[in-house]
C-alpha cells in the first residue's frame, strides 16, 4: 500500500530536498509539488492525497490557511 502525498513549500531548493527524501520511501507517492497555499488547495482537490506537507509561511496564503481550506473541502 502506498500513500499519496502533496508537498507545499515556496522555497524551490527546500521543495526539491523534501521531494527527494519522500520519493525514496516506497510507501509514499508524491502526487503534487506546490509553491503556494493556493496551489496546494487546488492540488489537493484534484489529487485527493492521504498526506499533505505544508510550509507555514508562503506567499498569498499561509500553510495554516491552506490546511483549513483543505480540511473544509474534504
Protein backbone atom coordinates (compact mmCIF):
# COMPACT_ATOMS: atom_id res chain seq x y z
CA UNK A 1 0.00 0.00 0.00
CA UNK A 2 1.23 3.49 -0.79
CA UNK A 3 0.09 6.87 0.46
CA UNK A 4 -0.43 9.81 -1.91
CA UNK A 5 1.48 12.89 -0.77
CA UNK A 6 1.31 16.59 -1.68
CA UNK A 7 4.16 18.94 -0.73
CA UNK A 8 3.78 22.72 -0.49
CA UNK A 9 6.93 24.80 0.01
CA UNK A 10 7.67 28.22 -1.54
CA UNK A 11 11.45 27.73 -1.44
CA UNK A 12 12.30 25.67 -4.54
CA UNK A 13 15.51 24.24 -3.06
CA UNK A 14 13.73 23.04 0.09
CA UNK A 15 10.83 21.71 -2.00
CA UNK A 16 13.26 19.65 -4.07
CA UNK A 17 15.02 18.32 -0.97
CA UNK A 18 11.75 17.26 0.64
CA UNK A 19 10.59 15.70 -2.63
CA UNK A 20 13.82 13.68 -2.91
CA UNK A 21 13.59 12.45 0.68
CA UNK A 22 9.93 11.44 0.39
CA UNK A 23 10.43 9.83 -3.03
CA UNK A 24 12.90 7.37 -1.51
CA UNK A 25 10.16 5.88 0.67
CA UNK A 26 8.42 3.11 -1.27
CA UNK A 27 5.25 3.57 0.79
CA UNK A 28 4.84 7.16 -0.44
CA UNK A 29 3.88 8.51 -3.87
CA UNK A 30 4.40 12.25 -4.28
CA UNK A 31 1.47 13.32 -6.45
CA UNK A 32 1.95 17.09 -6.18
CA UNK A 33 4.61 19.74 -5.61
CA UNK A 34 3.25 23.23 -4.93
CA UNK A 35 4.85 26.63 -4.34
CA UNK A 36 1.87 28.42 -2.76
CA UNK A 37 -1.02 27.66 -0.44
CA UNK A 38 -3.46 28.36 -3.27
CA UNK A 39 -1.73 25.76 -5.47
CA UNK A 40 -1.82 23.29 -2.57
CA UNK A 41 -5.58 23.67 -2.12
CA UNK A 42 -6.21 23.16 -5.84
CA UNK A 43 -3.83 20.19 -5.99
CA UNK A 44 -5.50 18.54 -3.00
CA UNK A 45 -8.92 18.97 -4.61
CA UNK A 46 -7.66 17.20 -7.74
CA UNK A 47 -5.31 14.54 -6.32
CA UNK A 48 -7.07 13.67 -3.02
CA UNK A 49 -3.81 12.97 -1.12
CA UNK A 50 -3.56 10.98 2.09
CA UNK A 51 -0.80 13.23 3.48
CA UNK A 52 -0.06 16.93 2.92
CA UNK A 53 3.19 18.65 3.93
CA UNK A 54 2.57 22.41 4.18
CA UNK A 55 5.09 25.17 4.75
CA UNK A 56 3.68 27.64 7.26
CA UNK A 57 4.92 30.88 5.64
CA UNK A 58 4.03 31.00 1.95
CA UNK A 59 3.01 33.91 -0.26
CA UNK A 60 -0.67 34.72 -0.83
CA UNK A 61 -1.95 32.03 1.55
CA UNK A 62 -0.18 30.52 4.57
CA UNK A 63 0.02 26.81 5.22
CA UNK A 64 -2.38 27.27 8.14
CA UNK A 65 -4.98 28.95 5.92
CA UNK A 66 -4.47 26.31 3.24
CA UNK A 67 -4.89 23.49 5.75
CA UNK A 68 -8.21 24.93 6.90
CA UNK A 69 -9.48 25.18 3.32
CA UNK A 70 -8.33 21.63 2.53
CA UNK A 71 -9.99 20.30 5.67
CA UNK A 72 -13.23 22.17 4.97
CA UNK A 73 -13.43 20.90 1.39
CA UNK A 74 -12.86 17.27 2.35
